[in-house]
Amino acid sequence: MWAKIRTDIQTVMDNDPAARNRLEVALTYAGLHAIWAHRLAHWFYNKRWFTIARLISQFSRFMTGIEIHPGARIGQRFFIDHGMGVVIGETCEIGDDVILYQGVTLGGTGKEKGKRHPTIGNNVVISSGAKVLGSFTVGDNSQVGANAVVLHEVPPNSTVVGIPGRVVKQDGVRLNRLDHANLPDPVIDMFRRQQQQIEELQQQLAQIREGEKSHDD
């Protein structure tokens, strides 16, 4: 147990440049406290003491702002950075050396039975606000961009961005390169269409008026 605790603290030291010393990490890092509480809740869950497990997880949620279902399976050296709002579902499986940031949801898409939450491979980084929803796998060494909504399987060694999430980089090769300097603006496009319609109506009114003047003459 103490070896795991030391590993958990070292994981924070390795991944967070703001971590100054191990005592500070052990006493003040909510993500670390949530992981420790989850281990206890998961032990009771495996013993089928579900109510006690849920009580522990809900108390942890109240204290840390991080909700991890007792049934979730989490690997080694898991790190939650600035974890407020993180939600991890019951049938979620997380590999080793995974990093989650604030606001990440690893959830389902409805009321399906059985495996309904994602499987996260090893060495995966999921950025702030991202939602990974459904029973599929995010492959090893992949990255999910901030606020992405991932609804389908992600191959290993991939970078996923957008809503819905799409692979923009795989095995070091960039796919579907985005021109960030020329992204479409739907609001501006709508105003342009309205302006075009107004100009067309003005032209039609002008033609009608000219026709009425010619008729009067």
C-alpha atoms as a PDB file:
ATOM      1  CA  MET A   1       0.000   0.000   0.000  1.00  0.00           C
ATOM      2  CA  TRP A   2       2.730   2.459   0.949  1.00  0.00           C
ATOM      3  CA  ALA A   3       4.548   1.702  -2.284  1.00  0.00           C
ATOM      4  CA  LYS A   4       1.404   2.659  -4.242  1.00  0.00           C
ATOM      5  CA  ILE A   5       1.035   5.863  -2.249  1.00  0.00           C
ATOM      6  CA  ARG A   6       4.649   6.813  -2.950  1.00  0.00           C
ATOM      7  CA  THR A   7       4.124   6.048  -6.641  1.00  0.00           C
ATOM      8  CA  ASP A   8       0.984   8.206  -6.710  1.00  0.00           C
ATOM      9  CA  ILE A   9       2.811  11.141  -5.164  1.00  0.00           C
ATOM     10  CA  GLN A  10       5.768  10.724  -7.506  1.00  0.00           C
ATOM     11  CA  THR A  11       3.369  10.672 -10.474  1.00  0.00           C
ATOM     12  CA  VAL A  12       2.112  14.116  -9.469  1.00  0.00           C
ATOM     13  CA  MET A  13       5.682  15.372  -9.034  1.00  0.00           C
ATOM     14  CA  ASP A  14       6.564  14.089 -12.504  1.00  0.00           C
ATOM     15  CA  ASN A  15       3.554  15.591 -14.267  1.00  0.00           C
ATOM     16  CA  ASP A  16       2.825  18.869 -12.500  1.00  0.00           C
ATOM     17  CA  PRO A  17       5.563  21.531 -12.603  1.00  0.00           C
ATOM     18  CA  ALA A  18       3.681  23.461  -9.894  1.00  0.00           C
ATOM     19  CA  ALA A  19       4.181  20.653  -7.357  1.00  0.00           C
ATOM     20  CA  ARG A  20       6.841  21.895  -4.937  1.00  0.00           C
ATOM     21  CA  ASN A  21       7.229  19.027  -2.510  1.00  0.00           C
ATOM     22  CA  ARG A  22       5.716  15.677  -1.615  1.00  0.00           C
ATOM     23  CA  LEU A  23       4.079  16.848   1.613  1.00  0.00           C
ATOM     24  CA  GLU A  24       2.216  19.595  -0.237  1.00  0.00           C
ATOM     25  CA  VAL A  25       1.079  17.096  -2.867  1.00  0.00           C
ATOM     26  CA  ALA A  26      -0.140  14.574  -0.283  1.00  0.00           C
ATOM     27  CA  LEU A  27      -2.101  17.177   1.670  1.00  0.00           C
ATOM     28  CA  THR A  28      -3.553  19.457  -1.010  1.00  0.00           C
ATOM     29  CA  TYR A  29      -4.013  17.646  -4.340  1.00  0.00           C
ATOM     30  CA  ALA A  30      -7.702  16.804  -4.783  1.00  0.00           C
ATOM     31  CA  GLY A  31      -7.028  14.505  -7.741  1.00  0.00           C
ATOM     32  CA  LEU A  32      -4.749  12.402  -5.574  1.00  0.00           C
ATOM     33  CA  HIS A  33      -7.318  12.246  -2.770  1.00  0.00           C
ATOM     34  CA  ALA A  34      -9.993  11.164  -5.259  1.00  0.00           C
ATOM     35  CA  ILE A  35      -7.793   8.307  -6.488  1.00  0.00           C
ATOM     36  CA  TRP A  36      -7.085   7.130  -2.944  1.00  0.00           C
ATOM     37  CA  ALA A  37     -10.779   7.242  -2.052  1.00  0.00           C
ATOM     38  CA  HIS A  38     -11.599   5.335  -5.222  1.00  0.00           C
ATOM     39  CA  ARG A  39      -9.237   2.511  -4.289  1.00  0.00           C
ATOM     40  CA  LEU A  40     -11.086   2.065  -1.019  1.00  0.00           C
ATOM     41  CA  ALA A  41     -14.503   2.307  -2.674  1.00  0.00           C
ATOM     42  CA  HIS A  42     -13.441  -0.137  -5.392  1.00  0.00           C
ATOM     43  CA  TRP A  43     -12.358  -2.664  -2.758  1.00  0.00           C
ATOM     44  CA  PHE A  44     -15.826  -2.564  -1.179  1.00  0.00           C
ATOM     45  CA  TYR A  45     -17.427  -2.700  -4.644  1.00  0.00           C
ATOM     46  CA  ASN A  46     -15.535  -5.887  -5.469  1.00  0.00           C
ATOM     47  CA  LYS A  47     -16.749  -7.352  -2.173  1.00  0.00           C
ATOM     48  CA  ARG A  48     -20.300  -6.476  -3.345  1.00  0.00           C
ATOM     49  CA  TRP A  49     -20.777  -3.989  -0.523  1.00  0.00           C
ATOM     50  CA  PHE A  50     -22.213  -1.561  -3.029  1.00  0.00           C
ATOM     51  CA  THR A  51     -23.849   0.884  -0.634  1.00  0.00           C
ATOM     52  CA  ILE A  52     -20.659   1.452   1.353  1.00  0.00           C
ATOM     53  CA  ALA A  53     -18.736   1.824  -1.899  1.00  0.00           C
ATOM     54  CA  ARG A  54     -21.169   4.455  -3.153  1.00  0.00           C
ATOM     55  CA  LEU A  55     -21.103   6.330   0.130  1.00  0.00           C
ATOM     56  CA  ILE A  56     -17.319   6.570  -0.078  1.00  0.00           C
ATOM     57  CA  SER A  57     -17.411   7.720  -3.703  1.00  0.00           C
ATOM     58  CA  GLN A  58     -20.086  10.337  -2.982  1.00  0.00           C
ATOM     59  CA  PHE A  59     -18.171  11.667   0.010  1.00  0.00           C
ATOM     60  CA  SER A  60     -15.083  11.888  -2.196  1.00  0.00           C
ATOM     61  CA  ARG A  61     -17.101  13.735  -4.829  1.00  0.00           C
ATOM     62  CA  PHE A  62     -18.306  16.216  -2.196  1.00  0.00           C
ATOM     63  CA  MET A  63     -14.763  16.812  -0.940  1.00  0.00           C
ATOM     64  CA  THR A  64     -12.880  16.892  -4.252  1.00  0.00           C
ATOM     65  CA  GLY A  65     -15.362  17.739  -7.022  1.00  0.00           C
ATOM     66  CA  ILE A  66     -14.298  14.528  -8.799  1.00  0.00           C
ATOM     67  CA  GLU A  67     -16.786  11.685  -9.293  1.00  0.00           C
ATOM     68  CA  ILE A  68     -15.351   8.215  -9.876  1.00  0.00           C
ATOM     69  CA  HIS A  69     -17.814   5.337  -9.779  1.00  0.00           C
ATOM     70  CA  PRO A  70     -16.590   2.555  -7.474  1.00  0.00           C
ATOM     71  CA  GLY A  71     -16.856   0.054 -10.322  1.00  0.00           C
ATOM     72  CA  ALA A  72     -14.370   1.844 -12.588  1.00  0.00           C
ATOM     73  CA  ARG A  73     -11.025   0.087 -13.081  1.00  0.00           C
ATOM     74  CA  ILE A  74      -7.972   2.330 -13.030  1.00  0.00           C
ATOM     75  CA  GLY A  75      -4.364   1.456 -13.853  1.00  0.00           C
ATOM     76  CA  GLN A  76      -1.056   2.603 -12.428  1.00  0.00           C
ATOM     77  CA  ARG A  77       0.314   6.163 -12.292  1.00  0.00           C
ATOM     78  CA  PHE A  78      -3.060   7.763 -13.008  1.00  0.00           C
ATOM     79  CA  PHE A  79      -2.997  11.570 -12.727  1.00  0.00           C
ATOM     80  CA  ILE A  80      -5.944  13.974 -12.490  1.00  0.00           C
ATOM     81  CA  ASP A  81      -4.771  17.584 -12.861  1.00  0.00           C
ATOM     82  CA  HIS A  82      -7.054  20.415 -11.682  1.00  0.00           C
ATOM     83  CA  GLY A  83      -9.762  17.773 -11.591  1.00  0.00           C
ATOM     84  CA  MET A  84     -12.924  19.723 -10.688  1.00  0.00           C
ATOM     85  CA  GLY A  85     -15.847  18.316 -12.665  1.00  0.00           C
ATOM     86  CA  VAL A  86     -14.193  15.061 -13.740  1.00  0.00           C
ATOM     87  CA  VAL A  87     -16.686  12.185 -14.067  1.00  0.00           C
ATOM     88  CA  ILE A  88     -15.701   8.521 -14.607  1.00  0.00           C
ATOM     89  CA  GLY A  89     -18.435   5.949 -15.211  1.00  0.00           C
ATOM     90  CA  GLU A  90     -18.982   2.529 -13.686  1.00  0.00           C
ATOM     91  CA  THR A  91     -17.717   0.327 -16.531  1.00  0.00           C
ATOM     92  CA  CYS A  92     -14.867   2.614 -17.533  1.00  0.00           C
ATOM     93  CA  GLU A  93     -11.422   1.009 -17.777  1.00  0.00           C
ATOM     94  CA  ILE A  94      -8.321   3.194 -17.628  1.00  0.00           C
ATOM     95  CA  GLY A  95      -4.837   1.971 -18.477  1.00  0.00           C
ATOM     96  CA  ASP A  96      -1.461   3.002 -17.080  1.00  0.00           C
ATOM     97  CA  ASP A  97       0.095   6.492 -17.231  1.00  0.00           C
ATOM     98  CA  VAL A  98      -3.158   8.258 -18.151  1.00  0.00           C
ATOM     99  CA  ILE A  99      -3.664  11.997 -17.534  1.00  0.00           C
ATOM    100  CA  LEU A 100      -7.066  13.693 -17.216  1.00  0.00           C
ATOM    101  CA  TYR A 101      -7.627  17.427 -16.904  1.00  0.00           C
ATOM    102  CA  GLN A 102     -10.458  19.514 -15.479  1.00  0.00           C
ATOM    103  CA  GLY A 103     -13.987  18.828 -16.667  1.00  0.00           C
ATOM    104  CA  VAL A 104     -13.352  15.512 -18.443  1.00  0.00           C
ATOM    105  CA  THR A 105     -16.250  13.049 -18.688  1.00  0.00           C
ATOM    106  CA  LEU A 106     -15.737   9.353 -19.404  1.00  0.00           C
ATOM    107  CA  GLY A 107     -19.388   8.404 -19.685  1.00  0.00           C
ATOM    108  CA  GLY A 108     -22.121   6.593 -21.561  1.00  0.00           C
ATOM    109  CA  THR A 109     -24.684   7.649 -24.132  1.00  0.00           C
ATOM    110  CA  GLY A 110     -27.876   6.288 -22.583  1.00  0.00           C
ATOM    111  CA  LYS A 111     -29.287   3.480 -20.473  1.00  0.00           C
ATOM    112  CA  GLU A 112     -27.513   0.568 -22.103  1.00  0.00           C
ATOM    113  CA  LYS A 113     -26.723  -2.496 -20.007  1.00  0.00           C
ATOM    114  CA  GLY A 114     -23.308  -4.067 -19.596  1.00  0.00           C
ATOM    115  CA  LYS A 115     -20.185  -2.298 -20.829  1.00  0.00           C
ATOM    116  CA  ARG A 116     -21.332   1.226 -21.616  1.00  0.00           C
ATOM    117  CA  HIS A 117     -18.323   3.416 -20.816  1.00  0.00           C
ATOM    118  CA  PRO A 118     -15.027   3.839 -22.670  1.00  0.00           C
ATOM    119  CA  THR A 119     -11.797   1.916 -22.321  1.00  0.00           C
ATOM    120  CA  ILE A 120      -8.800   4.253 -22.171  1.00  0.00           C
ATOM    121  CA  GLY A 121      -5.469   2.799 -23.275  1.00  0.00           C
ATOM    122  CA  ASN A 122      -2.027   3.387 -21.816  1.00  0.00           C
ATOM    123  CA  ASN A 123      -0.264   6.765 -21.941  1.00  0.00           C
ATOM    124  CA  VAL A 124      -3.381   8.690 -23.011  1.00  0.00           C
ATOM    125  CA  VAL A 125      -3.911  12.419 -22.333  1.00  0.00           C
ATOM    126  CA  ILE A 126      -7.462  13.803 -22.249  1.00  0.00           C
ATOM    127  CA  SER A 127      -7.584  17.590 -22.117  1.00  0.00           C
ATOM    128  CA  SER A 128      -9.909  19.978 -20.277  1.00  0.00           C
ATOM    129  CA  GLY A 129     -13.616  19.706 -20.965  1.00  0.00           C
ATOM    130  CA  ALA A 130     -13.381  16.690 -23.273  1.00  0.00           C
ATOM    131  CA  LYS A 131     -16.223  14.162 -23.311  1.00  0.00           C
ATOM    132  CA  VAL A 132     -15.574  10.531 -24.237  1.00  0.00           C
ATOM    133  CA  LEU A 133     -18.968   8.856 -24.450  1.00  0.00           C
ATOM    134  CA  GLY A 134     -19.741   5.226 -25.232  1.00  0.00           C
ATOM    135  CA  SER A 135     -18.329   1.724 -25.085  1.00  0.00           C
ATOM    136  CA  PHE A 136     -15.258   1.894 -27.296  1.00  0.00           C
ATOM    137  CA  THR A 137     -11.482   2.130 -26.947  1.00  0.00           C
ATOM    138  CA  VAL A 138      -9.192   5.136 -27.036  1.00  0.00           C
ATOM    139  CA  GLY A 139      -5.921   3.608 -28.226  1.00  0.00           C
ATOM    140  CA  ASP A 140      -2.546   3.788 -26.524  1.00  0.00           C
ATOM    141  CA  ASN A 141      -0.476   6.988 -26.766  1.00  0.00           C
ATOM    142  CA  SER A 142      -3.430   9.066 -27.981  1.00  0.00           C
ATOM    143  CA  GLN A 143      -4.401  12.632 -27.117  1.00  0.00           C
ATOM    144  CA  VAL A 144      -7.896  14.116 -26.935  1.00  0.00           C
ATOM    145  CA  GLY A 145      -8.085  17.884 -27.387  1.00  0.00           C
ATOM    146  CA  ALA A 146      -9.851  20.335 -25.100  1.00  0.00           C
ATOM    147  CA  ASN A 147     -13.672  20.281 -25.320  1.00  0.00           C
ATOM    148  CA  ALA A 148     -13.673  17.481 -27.903  1.00  0.00           C
ATOM    149  CA  VAL A 149     -16.673  15.137 -27.921  1.00  0.00           C
ATOM    150  CA  VAL A 150     -15.480  11.635 -28.818  1.00  0.00           C
ATOM    151  CA  LEU A 151     -18.192   9.168 -29.840  1.00  0.00           C
ATOM    152  CA  HIS A 152     -16.221   6.548 -31.798  1.00  0.00           C
ATOM    153  CA  GLU A 153     -13.128   4.404 -31.390  1.00  0.00           C
ATOM    154  CA  VAL A 154      -9.774   6.162 -31.534  1.00  0.00           C
ATOM    155  CA  PRO A 155      -6.800   4.309 -33.080  1.00  0.00           C
ATOM    156  CA  PRO A 156      -3.510   4.179 -31.165  1.00  0.00           C
ATOM    157  CA  ASN A 157      -1.066   7.089 -31.541  1.00  0.00           C
ATOM    158  CA  SER A 158      -3.803   9.525 -32.577  1.00  0.00           C
ATOM    159  CA  THR A 159      -4.781  13.108 -31.828  1.00  0.00           C
ATOM    160  CA  VAL A 160      -8.523  13.839 -31.702  1.00  0.00           C
ATOM    161  CA  VAL A 161     -10.173  17.284 -31.745  1.00  0.00           C
ATOM    162  CA  GLY A 162     -13.558  18.827 -32.432  1.00  0.00           C
ATOM    163  CA  ILE A 163     -17.276  18.157 -32.047  1.00  0.00           C
ATOM    164  CA  PRO A 164     -17.804  15.399 -32.935  1.00  0.00           C
ATOM    165  CA  GLY A 165     -14.245  14.266 -32.358  1.00  0.00           C
ATOM    166  CA  ARG A 166     -12.161  13.487 -35.444  1.00  0.00           C
ATOM    167  CA  VAL A 167      -8.639  12.209 -35.830  1.00  0.00           C
ATOM    168  CA  VAL A 168      -6.349  14.970 -37.116  1.00  0.00           C
ATOM    169  CA  LYS A 169      -3.040  13.212 -36.508  1.00  0.00           C
ATOM    170  CA  GLN A 170      -2.075   9.540 -36.478  1.00  0.00           C
ATOM    171  CA  ASP A 171       1.336   7.899 -36.135  1.00  0.00           C
ATOM    172  CA  GLY A 172       2.940  11.323 -36.464  1.00  0.00           C
ATOM    173  CA  VAL A 173       1.184  12.112 -39.768  1.00  0.00           C
ATOM    174  CA  ARG A 174      -1.207  15.061 -39.848  1.00  0.00           C
ATOM    175  CA  LEU A 175      -4.609  14.311 -41.378  1.00  0.00           C
ATOM    176  CA  ASN A 176      -7.228  16.764 -42.649  1.00  0.00           C
ATOM    177  CA  ARG A 177      -5.101  19.800 -41.875  1.00  0.00           C
ATOM    178  CA  LEU A 178      -7.161  22.689 -40.532  1.00  0.00           C
ATOM    179  CA  ASP A 179      -6.639  26.210 -41.848  1.00  0.00           C
ATOM    180  CA  HIS A 180      -7.152  28.049 -38.566  1.00  0.00           C
ATOM    181  CA  ALA A 181      -6.726  31.437 -40.224  1.00  0.00           C
ATOM    182  CA  ASN A 182      -9.718  30.801 -42.492  1.00  0.00           C
ATOM    183  CA  LEU A 183     -12.236  28.907 -40.404  1.00  0.00           C
ATOM    184  CA  PRO A 184     -15.880  29.565 -41.370  1.00  0.00           C
ATOM    185  CA  ASP A 185     -17.893  31.919 -39.157  1.00  0.00           C
ATOM    186  CA  PRO A 186     -21.588  30.864 -39.263  1.00  0.00           C
ATOM    187  CA  VAL A 187     -22.812  34.161 -37.765  1.00  0.00           C
ATOM    188  CA  ILE A 188     -21.040  36.286 -40.361  1.00  0.00           C
ATOM    189  CA  ASP A 189     -22.224  33.931 -43.108  1.00  0.00           C
ATOM    190  CA  MET A 190     -25.822  34.344 -41.922  1.00  0.00           C
ATOM    191  CA  PHE A 191     -25.562  38.153 -41.953  1.00  0.00           C
ATOM    192  CA  ARG A 192     -24.079  38.055 -45.445  1.00  0.00           C
ATOM    193  CA  ARG A 193     -26.993  35.952 -46.708  1.00  0.00           C
ATOM    194  CA  GLN A 194     -29.493  38.317 -45.092  1.00  0.00           C
ATOM    195  CA  GLN A 195     -27.752  41.326 -46.633  1.00  0.00           C
ATOM    196  CA  GLN A 196     -27.876  39.661 -50.040  1.00  0.00           C
ATOM    197  CA  GLN A 197     -31.609  38.979 -49.637  1.00  0.00           C
ATOM    198  CA  ILE A 198     -32.244  42.612 -48.614  1.00  0.00           C
ATOM    199  CA  GLU A 199     -30.388  43.884 -51.672  1.00  0.00           C
ATOM    200  CA  GLU A 200     -32.411  41.565 -53.913  1.00  0.00           C
ATOM    201  CA  LEU A 201     -35.687  42.789 -52.362  1.00  0.00           C
ATOM    202  CA  GLN A 202     -34.601  46.407 -52.795  1.00  0.00           C
ATOM    203  CA  GLN A 203     -33.879  45.745 -56.463  1.00  0.00           C
ATOM    204  CA  GLN A 204     -37.311  44.127 -56.898  1.00  0.00           C
ATOM    205  CA  LEU A 205     -39.045  47.095 -55.219  1.00  0.00           C
ATOM    206  CA  ALA A 206     -37.129  49.520 -57.413  1.00  0.00           C
ATOM    207  CA  GLN A 207     -38.237  47.627 -60.521  1.00  0.00           C
ATOM    208  CA  ILE A 208     -41.867  47.645 -59.332  1.00  0.00           C
ATOM    209  CA  ARG A 209     -41.748  51.402 -58.719  1.00  0.00           C
ATOM    210  CA  GLU A 210     -40.233  52.047 -62.130  1.00  0.00           C
ATOM    211  CA  GLY A 211     -42.978  49.936 -63.689  1.00  0.00           C
ATOM    212  CA  GLU A 212     -45.675  51.922 -61.841  1.00  0.00           C
ATOM    213  CA  LYS A 213     -44.171  55.239 -62.991  1.00  0.00           C
ATOM    214  CA  SER A 214     -44.071  54.060 -66.611  1.00  0.00           C
ATOM    215  CA  HIS A 215     -47.712  52.975 -66.352  1.00  0.00           C
ATOM    216  CA  ASP A 216     -48.775  56.379 -64.951  1.00  0.00           C
ATOM    217  CA  ASP A 217     -46.932  58.207 -67.761  1.00  0.00           C
END
